[in-house]
Amino acid sequence: MTIRKQVLIAGLFGVVLGLGGCGYSPGSRALSGGAIGAGTGAILGAATGGSPATGALIGGAVGAVGGAVTSPNTINLGGR
């Protein structure tokens, strides 16, 4: 695996885990994290010459787990 692919994968994990904190219940965070991860994984899979479907599966799984294990207070995009 090239350095560029490793950097892209590391970036994907960071984004998915960061955005996976959106939502109040673990189920909603897992759902939103999985959706964000699947979309990001598909884009990165296609951009790196890999399979978009494989990227979506991996990204979706990582996003769902990341969303489920984060706290609802990790990211607060609401008002004051």
PDB file of N, CA and C in Angstrom:
ATOM      1  N   MET A   1       0.851  -1.169   0.000  1.00  0.00           N
ATOM      2  CA  MET A   1       0.000   0.000   0.000  1.00  0.00           C
ATOM      3  C   MET A   1       0.902   1.239   0.000  1.00  0.00           C
ATOM      4  N   THR A   2       0.577   2.195  -0.845  1.00  0.00           N
ATOM      5  CA  THR A   2       1.397   3.397  -0.943  1.00  0.00           C
ATOM      6  C   THR A   2       1.121   4.343   0.217  1.00  0.00           C
ATOM      7  N   ILE A   3       2.030   5.276   0.388  1.00  0.00           N
ATOM      8  CA  ILE A   3       1.882   6.272   1.447  1.00  0.00           C
ATOM      9  C   ILE A   3       0.621   7.097   1.216  1.00  0.00           C
ATOM     10  N   ARG A   4       0.330   7.428  -0.029  1.00  0.00           N
ATOM     11  CA  ARG A   4      -0.855   8.239  -0.333  1.00  0.00           C
ATOM     12  C   ARG A   4      -2.134   7.514   0.108  1.00  0.00           C
ATOM     13  N   LYS A   5      -2.213   6.240  -0.168  1.00  0.00           N
ATOM     14  CA  LYS A   5      -3.395   5.482   0.245  1.00  0.00           C
ATOM     15  C   LYS A   5      -3.496   5.402   1.763  1.00  0.00           C
ATOM     16  N   GLN A   6      -2.371   5.241   2.428  1.00  0.00           N
ATOM     17  CA  GLN A   6      -2.385   5.180   3.888  1.00  0.00           C
ATOM     18  C   GLN A   6      -2.858   6.490   4.486  1.00  0.00           C
ATOM     19  N   VAL A   7      -2.432   7.604   3.914  1.00  0.00           N
ATOM     20  CA  VAL A   7      -2.851   8.917   4.406  1.00  0.00           C
ATOM     21  C   VAL A   7      -4.347   9.101   4.169  1.00  0.00           C
ATOM     22  N   LEU A   8      -4.838   8.704   3.009  1.00  0.00           N
ATOM     23  CA  LEU A   8      -6.265   8.821   2.723  1.00  0.00           C
ATOM     24  C   LEU A   8      -7.098   7.962   3.667  1.00  0.00           C
ATOM     25  N   ILE A   9      -6.649   6.768   3.939  1.00  0.00           N
ATOM     26  CA  ILE A   9      -7.381   5.887   4.853  1.00  0.00           C
ATOM     27  C   ILE A   9      -7.368   6.453   6.266  1.00  0.00           C
ATOM     28  N   ALA A  10      -6.237   6.955   6.715  1.00  0.00           N
ATOM     29  CA  ALA A  10      -6.162   7.560   8.049  1.00  0.00           C
ATOM     30  C   ALA A  10      -7.074   8.777   8.143  1.00  0.00           C
ATOM     31  N   GLY A  11      -7.111   9.577   7.085  1.00  0.00           N
ATOM     32  CA  GLY A  11      -8.006  10.730   7.061  1.00  0.00           C
ATOM     33  C   GLY A  11      -9.459  10.318   7.107  1.00  0.00           C
ATOM     34  N   LEU A  12      -9.794   9.261   6.388  1.00  0.00           N
ATOM     35  CA  LEU A  12     -11.166   8.743   6.398  1.00  0.00           C
ATOM     36  C   LEU A  12     -11.573   8.343   7.806  1.00  0.00           C
ATOM     37  N   PHE A  13     -10.734   7.608   8.488  1.00  0.00           N
ATOM     38  CA  PHE A  13     -11.056   7.179   9.846  1.00  0.00           C
ATOM     39  C   PHE A  13     -11.251   8.368  10.769  1.00  0.00           C
ATOM     40  N   GLY A  14     -10.399   9.367  10.648  1.00  0.00           N
ATOM     41  CA  GLY A  14     -10.534  10.554  11.491  1.00  0.00           C
ATOM     42  C   GLY A  14     -11.829  11.306  11.251  1.00  0.00           C
ATOM     43  N   VAL A  15     -12.183  11.476   9.983  1.00  0.00           N
ATOM     44  CA  VAL A  15     -13.433  12.180   9.650  1.00  0.00           C
ATOM     45  C   VAL A  15     -14.634  11.389  10.127  1.00  0.00           C
ATOM     46  N   VAL A  16     -14.632  10.101   9.881  1.00  0.00           N
ATOM     47  CA  VAL A  16     -15.767   9.266  10.270  1.00  0.00           C
ATOM     48  C   VAL A  16     -15.945   9.256  11.780  1.00  0.00           C
ATOM     49  N   LEU A  17     -14.864   9.109  12.505  1.00  0.00           N
ATOM     50  CA  LEU A  17     -14.980   9.094  13.963  1.00  0.00           C
ATOM     51  C   LEU A  17     -15.414  10.451  14.504  1.00  0.00           C
ATOM     52  N   GLY A  18     -14.928  11.520  13.910  1.00  0.00           N
ATOM     53  CA  GLY A  18     -15.322  12.844  14.355  1.00  0.00           C
ATOM     54  C   GLY A  18     -16.783  13.141  14.093  1.00  0.00           C
ATOM     55  N   LEU A  19     -17.248  12.817  12.909  1.00  0.00           N
ATOM     56  CA  LEU A  19     -18.644  13.077  12.573  1.00  0.00           C
ATOM     57  C   LEU A  19     -19.586  12.034  13.138  1.00  0.00           C
ATOM     58  N   GLY A  20     -19.055  10.901  13.528  1.00  0.00           N
ATOM     59  CA  GLY A  20     -19.899   9.859  14.105  1.00  0.00           C
ATOM     60  C   GLY A  20     -20.500  10.262  15.436  1.00  0.00           C
ATOM     61  N   GLY A  21     -19.980  11.314  16.051  1.00  0.00           N
ATOM     62  CA  GLY A  21     -20.505  11.779  17.319  1.00  0.00           C
ATOM     63  C   GLY A  21     -21.799  12.573  17.197  1.00  0.00           C
ATOM     64  N   CYS A  22     -22.260  12.837  15.979  1.00  0.00           N
ATOM     65  CA  CYS A  22     -23.496  13.611  15.788  1.00  0.00           C
ATOM     66  C   CYS A  22     -24.701  12.723  16.097  1.00  0.00           C
ATOM     67  N   GLY A  23     -25.577  13.190  16.967  1.00  0.00           N
ATOM     68  CA  GLY A  23     -26.775  12.442  17.331  1.00  0.00           C
ATOM     69  C   GLY A  23     -26.842  12.274  18.834  1.00  0.00           C
ATOM     70  N   TYR A  24     -28.023  11.909  19.306  1.00  0.00           N
ATOM     71  CA  TYR A  24     -28.211  11.792  20.757  1.00  0.00           C
ATOM     72  C   TYR A  24     -28.125  10.359  21.262  1.00  0.00           C
ATOM     73  N   SER A  25     -28.616   9.403  20.500  1.00  0.00           N
ATOM     74  CA  SER A  25     -28.569   8.013  20.954  1.00  0.00           C
ATOM     75  C   SER A  25     -27.462   7.267  20.212  1.00  0.00           C
ATOM     76  N   PRO A  26     -26.950   6.186  20.803  1.00  0.00           N
ATOM     77  CA  PRO A  26     -25.928   5.407  20.110  1.00  0.00           C
ATOM     78  C   PRO A  26     -26.419   4.894  18.747  1.00  0.00           C
ATOM     79  N   GLY A  27     -27.706   4.555  18.657  1.00  0.00           N
ATOM     80  CA  GLY A  27     -28.246   4.070  17.383  1.00  0.00           C
ATOM     81  C   GLY A  27     -28.231   5.130  16.304  1.00  0.00           C
ATOM     82  N   SER A  28     -28.608   6.363  16.658  1.00  0.00           N
ATOM     83  CA  SER A  28     -28.609   7.427  15.644  1.00  0.00           C
ATOM     84  C   SER A  28     -27.192   7.817  15.256  1.00  0.00           C
ATOM     85  N   ARG A  29     -26.266   7.793  16.208  1.00  0.00           N
ATOM     86  CA  ARG A  29     -24.871   8.082  15.872  1.00  0.00           C
ATOM     87  C   ARG A  29     -24.275   6.979  15.010  1.00  0.00           C
ATOM     88  N   ALA A  30     -24.637   5.727  15.283  1.00  0.00           N
ATOM     89  CA  ALA A  30     -24.151   4.619  14.453  1.00  0.00           C
ATOM     90  C   ALA A  30     -24.701   4.737  13.036  1.00  0.00           C
ATOM     91  N   LEU A  31     -25.965   5.106  12.915  1.00  0.00           N
ATOM     92  CA  LEU A  31     -26.580   5.244  11.590  1.00  0.00           C
ATOM     93  C   LEU A  31     -25.941   6.389  10.810  1.00  0.00           C
ATOM     94  N   SER A  32     -25.801   7.553  11.441  1.00  0.00           N
ATOM     95  CA  SER A  32     -25.207   8.685  10.727  1.00  0.00           C
ATOM     96  C   SER A  32     -23.725   8.436  10.432  1.00  0.00           C
ATOM     97  N   GLY A  33     -23.011   7.844  11.376  1.00  0.00           N
ATOM     98  CA  GLY A  33     -21.599   7.526  11.140  1.00  0.00           C
ATOM     99  C   GLY A  33     -21.421   6.506  10.028  1.00  0.00           C
ATOM    100  N   GLY A  34     -22.310   5.508   9.986  1.00  0.00           N
ATOM    101  CA  GLY A  34     -22.240   4.508   8.922  1.00  0.00           C
ATOM    102  C   GLY A  34     -22.511   5.107   7.562  1.00  0.00           C
ATOM    103  N   ALA A  35     -23.490   5.998   7.473  1.00  0.00           N
ATOM    104  CA  ALA A  35     -23.811   6.633   6.194  1.00  0.00           C
ATOM    105  C   ALA A  35     -22.677   7.540   5.722  1.00  0.00           C
ATOM    106  N   ILE A  36     -22.143   8.324   6.641  1.00  0.00           N
ATOM    107  CA  ILE A  36     -21.026   9.205   6.287  1.00  0.00           C
ATOM    108  C   ILE A  36     -19.808   8.373   5.882  1.00  0.00           C
ATOM    109  N   GLY A  37     -19.540   7.323   6.637  1.00  0.00           N
ATOM    110  CA  GLY A  37     -18.394   6.459   6.328  1.00  0.00           C
ATOM    111  C   GLY A  37     -18.539   5.741   5.006  1.00  0.00           C
ATOM    112  N   ALA A  38     -19.740   5.272   4.692  1.00  0.00           N
ATOM    113  CA  ALA A  38     -19.961   4.568   3.426  1.00  0.00           C
ATOM    114  C   ALA A  38     -19.748   5.507   2.246  1.00  0.00           C
ATOM    115  N   GLY A  39     -20.284   6.712   2.345  1.00  0.00           N
ATOM    116  CA  GLY A  39     -20.103   7.676   1.258  1.00  0.00           C
ATOM    117  C   GLY A  39     -18.649   8.067   1.070  1.00  0.00           C
ATOM    118  N   THR A  40     -17.980   8.345   2.180  1.00  0.00           N
ATOM    119  CA  THR A  40     -16.574   8.722   2.117  1.00  0.00           C
ATOM    120  C   THR A  40     -15.717   7.567   1.624  1.00  0.00           C
ATOM    121  N   GLY A  41     -16.011   6.366   2.093  1.00  0.00           N
ATOM    122  CA  GLY A  41     -15.247   5.193   1.655  1.00  0.00           C
ATOM    123  C   GLY A  41     -15.407   4.916   0.172  1.00  0.00           C
ATOM    124  N   ALA A  42     -16.619   5.095  -0.349  1.00  0.00           N
ATOM    125  CA  ALA A  42     -16.851   4.881  -1.782  1.00  0.00           C
ATOM    126  C   ALA A  42     -16.068   5.897  -2.613  1.00  0.00           C
ATOM    127  N   ILE A  43     -16.075   7.144  -2.166  1.00  0.00           N
ATOM    128  CA  ILE A  43     -15.338   8.183  -2.888  1.00  0.00           C
ATOM    129  C   ILE A  43     -13.839   7.910  -2.841  1.00  0.00           C
ATOM    130  N   LEU A  44     -13.321   7.578  -1.664  1.00  0.00           N
ATOM    131  CA  LEU A  44     -11.884   7.301  -1.550  1.00  0.00           C
ATOM    132  C   LEU A  44     -11.497   6.028  -2.302  1.00  0.00           C
ATOM    133  N   GLY A  45     -12.374   5.023  -2.277  1.00  0.00           N
ATOM    134  CA  GLY A  45     -12.085   3.797  -3.027  1.00  0.00           C
ATOM    135  C   GLY A  45     -11.956   4.069  -4.513  1.00  0.00           C
ATOM    136  N   ALA A  46     -12.862   4.886  -5.046  1.00  0.00           N
ATOM    137  CA  ALA A  46     -12.804   5.225  -6.464  1.00  0.00           C
ATOM    138  C   ALA A  46     -11.606   6.120  -6.775  1.00  0.00           C
ATOM    139  N   ALA A  47     -11.307   7.056  -5.879  1.00  0.00           N
ATOM    140  CA  ALA A  47     -10.211   8.000  -6.116  1.00  0.00           C
ATOM    141  C   ALA A  47      -8.844   7.336  -6.073  1.00  0.00           C
ATOM    142  N   THR A  48      -8.708   6.272  -5.304  1.00  0.00           N
ATOM    143  CA  THR A  48      -7.408   5.609  -5.185  1.00  0.00           C
ATOM    144  C   THR A  48      -7.252   4.444  -6.145  1.00  0.00           C
ATOM    145  N   GLY A  49      -8.226   4.251  -7.015  1.00  0.00           N
ATOM    146  CA  GLY A  49      -8.136   3.166  -7.985  1.00  0.00           C
ATOM    147  C   GLY A  49      -8.630   1.839  -7.452  1.00  0.00           C
ATOM    148  N   GLY A  50      -9.192   1.835  -6.266  1.00  0.00           N
ATOM    149  CA  GLY A  50      -9.734   0.616  -5.684  1.00  0.00           C
ATOM    150  C   GLY A  50     -11.198   0.458  -6.030  1.00  0.00           C
ATOM    151  N   SER A  51     -11.855  -0.384  -5.317  1.00  0.00           N
ATOM    152  CA  SER A  51     -13.270  -0.642  -5.548  1.00  0.00           C
ATOM    153  C   SER A  51     -14.121   0.289  -4.681  1.00  0.00           C
ATOM    154  N   PRO A  52     -15.035   1.055  -5.303  1.00  0.00           N
ATOM    155  CA  PRO A  52     -15.925   1.901  -4.502  1.00  0.00           C
ATOM    156  C   PRO A  52     -16.795   1.083  -3.543  1.00  0.00           C
ATOM    157  N   ALA A  53     -17.210  -0.116  -3.975  1.00  0.00           N
ATOM    158  CA  ALA A  53     -18.048  -0.954  -3.111  1.00  0.00           C
ATOM    159  C   ALA A  53     -17.284  -1.407  -1.872  1.00  0.00           C
ATOM    160  N   THR A  54     -16.041  -1.807  -2.042  1.00  0.00           N
ATOM    161  CA  THR A  54     -15.222  -2.216  -0.910  1.00  0.00           C
ATOM    162  C   THR A  54     -14.965  -1.035   0.023  1.00  0.00           C
ATOM    163  N   GLY A  55     -14.681   0.127  -0.561  1.00  0.00           N
ATOM    164  CA  GLY A  55     -14.490   1.325   0.243  1.00  0.00           C
ATOM    165  C   GLY A  55     -15.729   1.678   1.040  1.00  0.00           C
ATOM    166  N   ALA A  56     -16.912   1.524   0.409  1.00  0.00           N
ATOM    167  CA  ALA A  56     -18.171   1.819   1.098  1.00  0.00           C
ATOM    168  C   ALA A  56     -18.412   0.847   2.243  1.00  0.00           C
ATOM    169  N   LEU A  57     -18.114  -0.422   2.044  1.00  0.00           N
ATOM    170  CA  LEU A  57     -18.298  -1.409   3.107  1.00  0.00           C
ATOM    171  C   LEU A  57     -17.385  -1.140   4.294  1.00  0.00           C
ATOM    172  N   ILE A  58     -16.122  -0.893   3.999  1.00  0.00           N
ATOM    173  CA  ILE A  58     -15.168  -0.644   5.072  1.00  0.00           C
ATOM    174  C   ILE A  58     -15.494   0.674   5.780  1.00  0.00           C
ATOM    175  N   GLY A  59     -15.729   1.718   4.999  1.00  0.00           N
ATOM    176  CA  GLY A  59     -16.051   3.019   5.588  1.00  0.00           C
ATOM    177  C   GLY A  59     -17.338   2.990   6.389  1.00  0.00           C
ATOM    178  N   GLY A  60     -18.348   2.284   5.884  1.00  0.00           N
ATOM    179  CA  GLY A  60     -19.609   2.175   6.596  1.00  0.00           C
ATOM    180  C   GLY A  60     -19.460   1.449   7.923  1.00  0.00           C
ATOM    181  N   ALA A  61     -18.677   0.382   7.917  1.00  0.00           N
ATOM    182  CA  ALA A  61     -18.459  -0.377   9.151  1.00  0.00           C
ATOM    183  C   ALA A  61     -17.699   0.455  10.179  1.00  0.00           C
ATOM    184  N   VAL A  62     -16.648   1.117   9.731  1.00  0.00           N
ATOM    185  CA  VAL A  62     -15.856   1.952  10.646  1.00  0.00           C
ATOM    186  C   VAL A  62     -16.706   3.108  11.173  1.00  0.00           C
ATOM    187  N   GLY A  63     -17.490   3.713  10.291  1.00  0.00           N
ATOM    188  CA  GLY A  63     -18.342   4.824  10.704  1.00  0.00           C
ATOM    189  C   GLY A  63     -19.409   4.408  11.696  1.00  0.00           C
ATOM    190  N   ALA A  64     -20.011   3.255  11.475  1.00  0.00           N
ATOM    191  CA  ALA A  64     -21.052   2.776  12.381  1.00  0.00           C
ATOM    192  C   ALA A  64     -20.478   2.480  13.763  1.00  0.00           C
ATOM    193  N   VAL A  65     -19.338   1.828  13.804  1.00  0.00           N
ATOM    194  CA  VAL A  65     -18.703   1.536  15.086  1.00  0.00           C
ATOM    195  C   VAL A  65     -18.267   2.836  15.760  1.00  0.00           C
ATOM    196  N   GLY A  66     -17.666   3.724  14.986  1.00  0.00           N
ATOM    197  CA  GLY A  66     -17.237   5.005  15.544  1.00  0.00           C
ATOM    198  C   GLY A  66     -18.397   5.808  16.101  1.00  0.00           C
ATOM    199  N   GLY A  67     -19.513   5.806  15.391  1.00  0.00           N
ATOM    200  CA  GLY A  67     -20.686   6.521  15.872  1.00  0.00           C
ATOM    201  C   GLY A  67     -21.289   5.897  17.113  1.00  0.00           C
ATOM    202  N   ALA A  68     -21.275   4.579  17.175  1.00  0.00           N
ATOM    203  CA  ALA A  68     -21.884   3.885  18.311  1.00  0.00           C
ATOM    204  C   ALA A  68     -21.085   4.066  19.600  1.00  0.00           C
ATOM    205  N   VAL A  69     -19.783   4.206  19.504  1.00  0.00           N
ATOM    206  CA  VAL A  69     -18.955   4.272  20.709  1.00  0.00           C
ATOM    207  C   VAL A  69     -18.639   5.693  21.163  1.00  0.00           C
ATOM    208  N   THR A  70     -19.037   6.694  20.395  1.00  0.00           N
ATOM    209  CA  THR A  70     -18.759   8.066  20.797  1.00  0.00           C
ATOM    210  C   THR A  70     -19.847   8.601  21.720  1.00  0.00           C
ATOM    211  N   SER A  71     -19.519   9.633  22.422  1.00  0.00           N
ATOM    212  CA  SER A  71     -20.449  10.282  23.337  1.00  0.00           C
ATOM    213  C   SER A  71     -21.232  11.355  22.582  1.00  0.00           C
ATOM    214  N   PRO A  72     -22.491  11.601  22.938  1.00  0.00           N
ATOM    215  CA  PRO A  72     -23.232  12.671  22.261  1.00  0.00           C
ATOM    216  C   PRO A  72     -22.646  14.046  22.538  1.00  0.00           C
ATOM    217  N   ASN A  73     -21.800  14.164  23.526  1.00  0.00           N
ATOM    218  CA  ASN A  73     -21.175  15.444  23.846  1.00  0.00           C
ATOM    219  C   ASN A  73     -19.857  15.667  23.117  1.00  0.00           C
ATOM    220  N   THR A  74     -19.433  14.683  22.307  1.00  0.00           N
ATOM    221  CA  THR A  74     -18.171  14.810  21.594  1.00  0.00           C
ATOM    222  C   THR A  74     -18.206  15.976  20.618  1.00  0.00           C
ATOM    223  N   ILE A  75     -19.270  16.067  19.839  1.00  0.00           N
ATOM    224  CA  ILE A  75     -19.443  17.157  18.880  1.00  0.00           C
ATOM    225  C   ILE A  75     -20.826  17.725  19.106  1.00  0.00           C
ATOM    226  N   ASN A  76     -20.908  19.007  19.333  1.00  0.00           N
ATOM    227  CA  ASN A  76     -22.191  19.646  19.549  1.00  0.00           C
ATOM    228  C   ASN A  76     -22.374  20.719  18.494  1.00  0.00           C
ATOM    229  N   LEU A  77     -23.177  20.443  17.478  1.00  0.00           N
ATOM    230  CA  LEU A  77     -23.397  21.398  16.410  1.00  0.00           C
ATOM    231  C   LEU A  77     -24.638  22.252  16.671  1.00  0.00           C
ATOM    232  N   GLY A  78     -25.241  22.100  17.838  1.00  0.00           N
ATOM    233  CA  GLY A  78     -26.442  22.854  18.162  1.00  0.00           C
ATOM    234  C   GLY A  78     -26.116  24.260  18.644  1.00  0.00           C
ATOM    235  N   GLY A  79     -27.113  24.894  19.208  1.00  0.00           N
ATOM    236  CA  GLY A  79     -26.967  26.268  19.700  1.00  0.00           C
ATOM    237  C   GLY A  79     -26.135  26.337  20.960  1.00  0.00           C
ATOM    238  N   ARG A  80     -26.195  27.450  21.595  1.00  0.00           N
ATOM    239  CA  ARG A  80     -25.382  27.676  22.798  1.00  0.00           C
ATOM    240  C   ARG A  80     -25.926  26.896  23.893  1.00  0.00           C
TER     241      ARG A  80
END
